[in-house]
C-alpha atoms as a PDB file:
ATOM      1  CA  UNK A   1     -16.424  -1.032   8.024  1.00  0.00           C
ATOM      2  CA  UNK A   2     -13.835  -2.278   5.962  1.00  0.00           C
ATOM      3  CA  UNK A   3     -11.221   0.055   4.411  1.00  0.00           C
ATOM      4  CA  UNK A   4      -7.974  -0.470   2.640  1.00  0.00           C
ATOM      5  CA  UNK A   5      -5.083   1.369   3.079  1.00  0.00           C
ATOM      6  CA  UNK A   6      -3.054   2.139   0.308  1.00  0.00           C
ATOM      7  CA  UNK A   7       0.245   3.161   0.730  1.00  0.00           C
ATOM      8  CA  UNK A   8       2.833   4.904  -1.207  1.00  0.00           C
ATOM      9  CA  UNK A   9       6.079   5.821  -1.394  1.00  0.00           C
ATOM     10  CA  UNK A  10       8.718   6.956  -3.479  1.00  0.00           C
ATOM     11  CA  UNK A  11      10.408   3.515  -3.849  1.00  0.00           C
ATOM     12  CA  UNK A  12      14.227   4.504  -4.750  1.00  0.00           C
ATOM     13  CA  UNK A  13      14.128   5.273  -1.444  1.00  0.00           C
ATOM     14  CA  UNK A  14      15.051   1.252  -0.696  1.00  0.00           C
ATOM     15  CA  UNK A  15      17.466   0.664  -3.090  1.00  0.00           C
ATOM     16  CA  UNK A  16      17.342  -2.082  -5.085  1.00  0.00           C
ATOM     17  CA  UNK A  17      18.761  -4.129  -2.475  1.00  0.00           C
ATOM     18  CA  UNK A  18      15.787  -6.155  -0.641  1.00  0.00           C
ATOM     19  CA  UNK A  19      17.974  -7.432   2.339  1.00  0.00           C
ATOM     20  CA  UNK A  20      19.201  -3.632   2.653  1.00  0.00           C
ATOM     21  CA  UNK A  21      18.938  -1.980   6.191  1.00  0.00           C
ATOM     22  CA  UNK A  22      16.082   0.371   5.318  1.00  0.00           C
ATOM     23  CA  UNK A  23      14.208  -2.381   4.015  1.00  0.00           C
ATOM     24  CA  UNK A  24      14.974  -4.455   7.493  1.00  0.00           C
ATOM     25  CA  UNK A  25      13.901  -1.248   9.669  1.00  0.00           C
ATOM     26  CA  UNK A  26      10.507  -0.428   7.664  1.00  0.00           C
ATOM     27  CA  UNK A  27       9.678  -4.722   7.210  1.00  0.00           C
ATOM     28  CA  UNK A  28      10.410  -4.632  11.031  1.00  0.00           C
ATOM     29  CA  UNK A  29       7.705  -1.235  11.804  1.00  0.00           C
ATOM     30  CA  UNK A  30       5.553  -3.158   9.623  1.00  0.00           C
ATOM     31  CA  UNK A  31       5.070  -5.903  11.720  1.00  0.00           C
ATOM     32  CA  UNK A  32       4.880  -3.860  15.062  1.00  0.00           C
ATOM     33  CA  UNK A  33       2.531  -1.674  13.821  1.00  0.00           C
ATOM     34  CA  UNK A  34       0.285  -5.487  13.043  1.00  0.00           C
ATOM     35  CA  UNK A  35       0.916  -6.194  16.748  1.00  0.00           C
ATOM     36  CA  UNK A  36      -0.380  -2.633  17.715  1.00  0.00           C
ATOM     37  CA  UNK A  37      -3.510  -2.533  15.757  1.00  0.00           C
ATOM     38  CA  UNK A  38      -4.383  -6.496  16.434  1.00  0.00           C
ATOM     39  CA  UNK A  39      -7.740  -7.539  14.776  1.00  0.00           C
ATOM     40  CA  UNK A  40      -8.485  -4.685  13.294  1.00  0.00           C
ATOM     41  CA  UNK A  41      -6.030  -5.881  10.564  1.00  0.00           C
ATOM     42  CA  UNK A  42      -8.041  -8.003   8.601  1.00  0.00           C
ATOM     43  CA  UNK A  43      -5.074  -8.623   5.391  1.00  0.00           C
ATOM     44  CA  UNK A  44      -2.728  -6.983   3.903  1.00  0.00           C
ATOM     45  CA  UNK A  45       1.055  -7.155   1.997  1.00  0.00           C
ATOM     46  CA  UNK A  46       3.678  -5.044   0.742  1.00  0.00           C
ATOM     47  CA  UNK A  47       4.322  -5.439  -3.317  1.00  0.00           C
ATOM     48  CA  UNK A  48       6.828  -6.202  -5.538  1.00  0.00           C
ATOM     49  CA  UNK A  49       8.793  -2.659  -7.173  1.00  0.00           C
ATOM     50  CA  UNK A  50       7.194  -1.334 -10.088  1.00  0.00           C
ATOM     51  CA  UNK A  51       9.335  -2.506 -13.127  1.00  0.00           C
ATOM     52  CA  UNK A  52       7.644  -6.188 -11.797  1.00  0.00           C
ATOM     53  CA  UNK A  53       4.342  -4.402 -12.760  1.00  0.00           C
ATOM     54  CA  UNK A  54       2.470  -5.375 -15.968  1.00  0.00           C
ATOM     55  CA  UNK A  55      -0.510  -2.826 -16.833  1.00  0.00           C
ATOM     56  CA  UNK A  56      -3.642  -4.222 -18.775  1.00  0.00           C
ATOM     57  CA  UNK A  57      -5.745  -1.413 -20.745  1.00  0.00           C
ATOM     58  CA  UNK A  58      -8.520  -1.012 -22.336  1.00  0.00           C
ATOM     59  CA  UNK A  59      -9.517   2.223 -24.894  1.00  0.00           C
ATOM     60  CA  UNK A  60     -12.478   1.606 -26.781  1.00  0.00           C
ATOM     61  CA  UNK A  61     -12.863  -2.182 -26.450  1.00  0.00           C
ATOM     62  CA  UNK A  62      -9.313  -2.814 -27.278  1.00  0.00           C
ATOM     63  CA  UNK A  63      -6.332  -3.966 -24.645  1.00  0.00           C
ATOM     64  CA  UNK A  64      -2.899  -3.515 -24.737  1.00  0.00           C
ATOM     65  CA  UNK A  65      -0.166  -4.872 -22.125  1.00  0.00           C
ATOM     66  CA  UNK A  66       2.119  -2.753 -20.894  1.00  0.00           C
ATOM     67  CA  UNK A  67       5.230  -3.502 -18.440  1.00  0.00           C
ATOM     68  CA  UNK A  68       5.359  -1.344 -15.413  1.00  0.00           C
ATOM     69  CA  UNK A  69       2.493   1.008 -13.552  1.00  0.00           C
ATOM     70  CA  UNK A  70       0.566   2.963 -16.289  1.00  0.00           C
ATOM     71  CA  UNK A  71       1.068   6.275 -14.528  1.00  0.00           C
ATOM     72  CA  UNK A  72       4.143   8.226 -13.550  1.00  0.00           C
ATOM     73  CA  UNK A  73       4.095   9.763 -10.357  1.00  0.00           C
ATOM     74  CA  UNK A  74       6.870  10.608  -7.764  1.00  0.00           C
ATOM     75  CA  UNK A  75       5.308   8.412  -5.767  1.00  0.00           C
ATOM     76  CA  UNK A  76       4.465   4.443  -6.246  1.00  0.00           C
ATOM     77  CA  UNK A  77       2.043   2.068  -4.974  1.00  0.00           C
ATOM     78  CA  UNK A  78       4.377   0.388  -2.687  1.00  0.00           C
ATOM     79  CA  UNK A  79       1.800  -2.191  -0.199  1.00  0.00           C
ATOM     80  CA  UNK A  80      -1.827  -1.735   1.528  1.00  0.00           C
ATOM     81  CA  UNK A  81      -3.831  -3.414   4.551  1.00  0.00           C
ATOM     82  CA  UNK A  82      -7.408  -3.983   4.679  1.00  0.00           C
ATOM     83  CA  UNK A  83      -8.787  -3.083   8.153  1.00  0.00           C
ATOM     84  CA  UNK A  84     -12.090  -3.377   9.541  1.00  0.00           C
ATOM     85  CA  UNK A  85     -13.214  -0.099  11.563  1.00  0.00           C
ATOM     86  CA  UNK A  86     -15.962   1.480  13.033  1.00  0.00           C
ATOM     87  CA  UNK A  87     -16.091   5.147  10.683  1.00  0.00           C
ATOM     88  CA  UNK A  88     -13.972   6.645   8.954  1.00  0.00           C
ATOM     89  CA  UNK A  89     -12.292   8.941  12.126  1.00  0.00           C
ATOM     90  CA  UNK A  90     -11.094   5.560  13.023  1.00  0.00           C
ATOM     91  CA  UNK A  91      -9.707   4.734   9.796  1.00  0.00           C
ATOM     92  CA  UNK A  92      -7.995   7.332   9.533  1.00  0.00           C
ATOM     93  CA  UNK A  93      -6.395   7.206  13.302  1.00  0.00           C
ATOM     94  CA  UNK A  94      -4.567   3.636  12.025  1.00  0.00           C
ATOM     95  CA  UNK A  95      -4.096   5.057   8.639  1.00  0.00           C
ATOM     96  CA  UNK A  96      -1.593   7.792  10.836  1.00  0.00           C
ATOM     97  CA  UNK A  97      -0.058   4.898  12.768  1.00  0.00           C
ATOM     98  CA  UNK A  98       0.888   3.444   9.622  1.00  0.00           C
ATOM     99  CA  UNK A  99       5.490   3.405   9.044  1.00  0.00           C
ATOM    100  CA  UNK A 100       7.018   5.309   6.001  1.00  0.00           C
ATOM    101  CA  UNK A 101      10.603   5.384   5.323  1.00  0.00           C
ATOM    102  CA  UNK A 102      10.031   8.628   4.423  1.00  0.00           C
ATOM    103  CA  UNK A 103       7.981  10.949   2.923  1.00  0.00           C
ATOM    104  CA  UNK A 104       4.655   9.127   1.240  1.00  0.00           C
ATOM    105  CA  UNK A 105       0.776   9.157   1.738  1.00  0.00           C
ATOM    106  CA  UNK A 106      -1.641   6.773   2.651  1.00  0.00           C
ATOM    107  CA  UNK A 107      -5.105   6.345   0.927  1.00  0.00           C
ATOM    108  CA  UNK A 108      -8.062   5.318   2.743  1.00  0.00           C
ATOM    109  CA  UNK A 109     -10.766   3.812   0.898  1.00  0.00           C
ATOM    110  CA  UNK A 110     -13.768   2.304   2.015  1.00  0.00           C
ATOM    111  CA  UNK A 111     -14.888  -1.134   0.674  1.00  0.00           C
ATOM    112  CA  UNK A 112     -18.338  -1.272  -1.428  1.00  0.00           C
ATOM    113  CA  UNK A 113     -20.389  -3.462   1.197  1.00  0.00           C
ATOM    114  CA  UNK A 114     -21.946  -6.069  -0.964  1.00  0.00           C
ATOM    115  CA  UNK A 115     -25.074  -7.860   0.648  1.00  0.00           C
END
């Protein structure tokens, strides 16, 4: 079964400089994580900061465009991995290995199986 691992962290821990030591260190750790899980990794990517986001909101059939993410939270969606795991327990074991710079959370969401 395939699972999406959604990475939520406070993006301010990385600062505004994409060349910072904090960013270099987390990239190194993610590269090692990718090697560790091997063929279980089917895809994934980091995301640009939330100030680069645009949200399309639909209410009662009308659509509006908003700069930034729709929800204001302490943690932002910073990236994701698509993995293949035999069951939820295996997906949890992989998610527990996923590197975070500081506090954060990993949401594990199974993909719908389409026939």
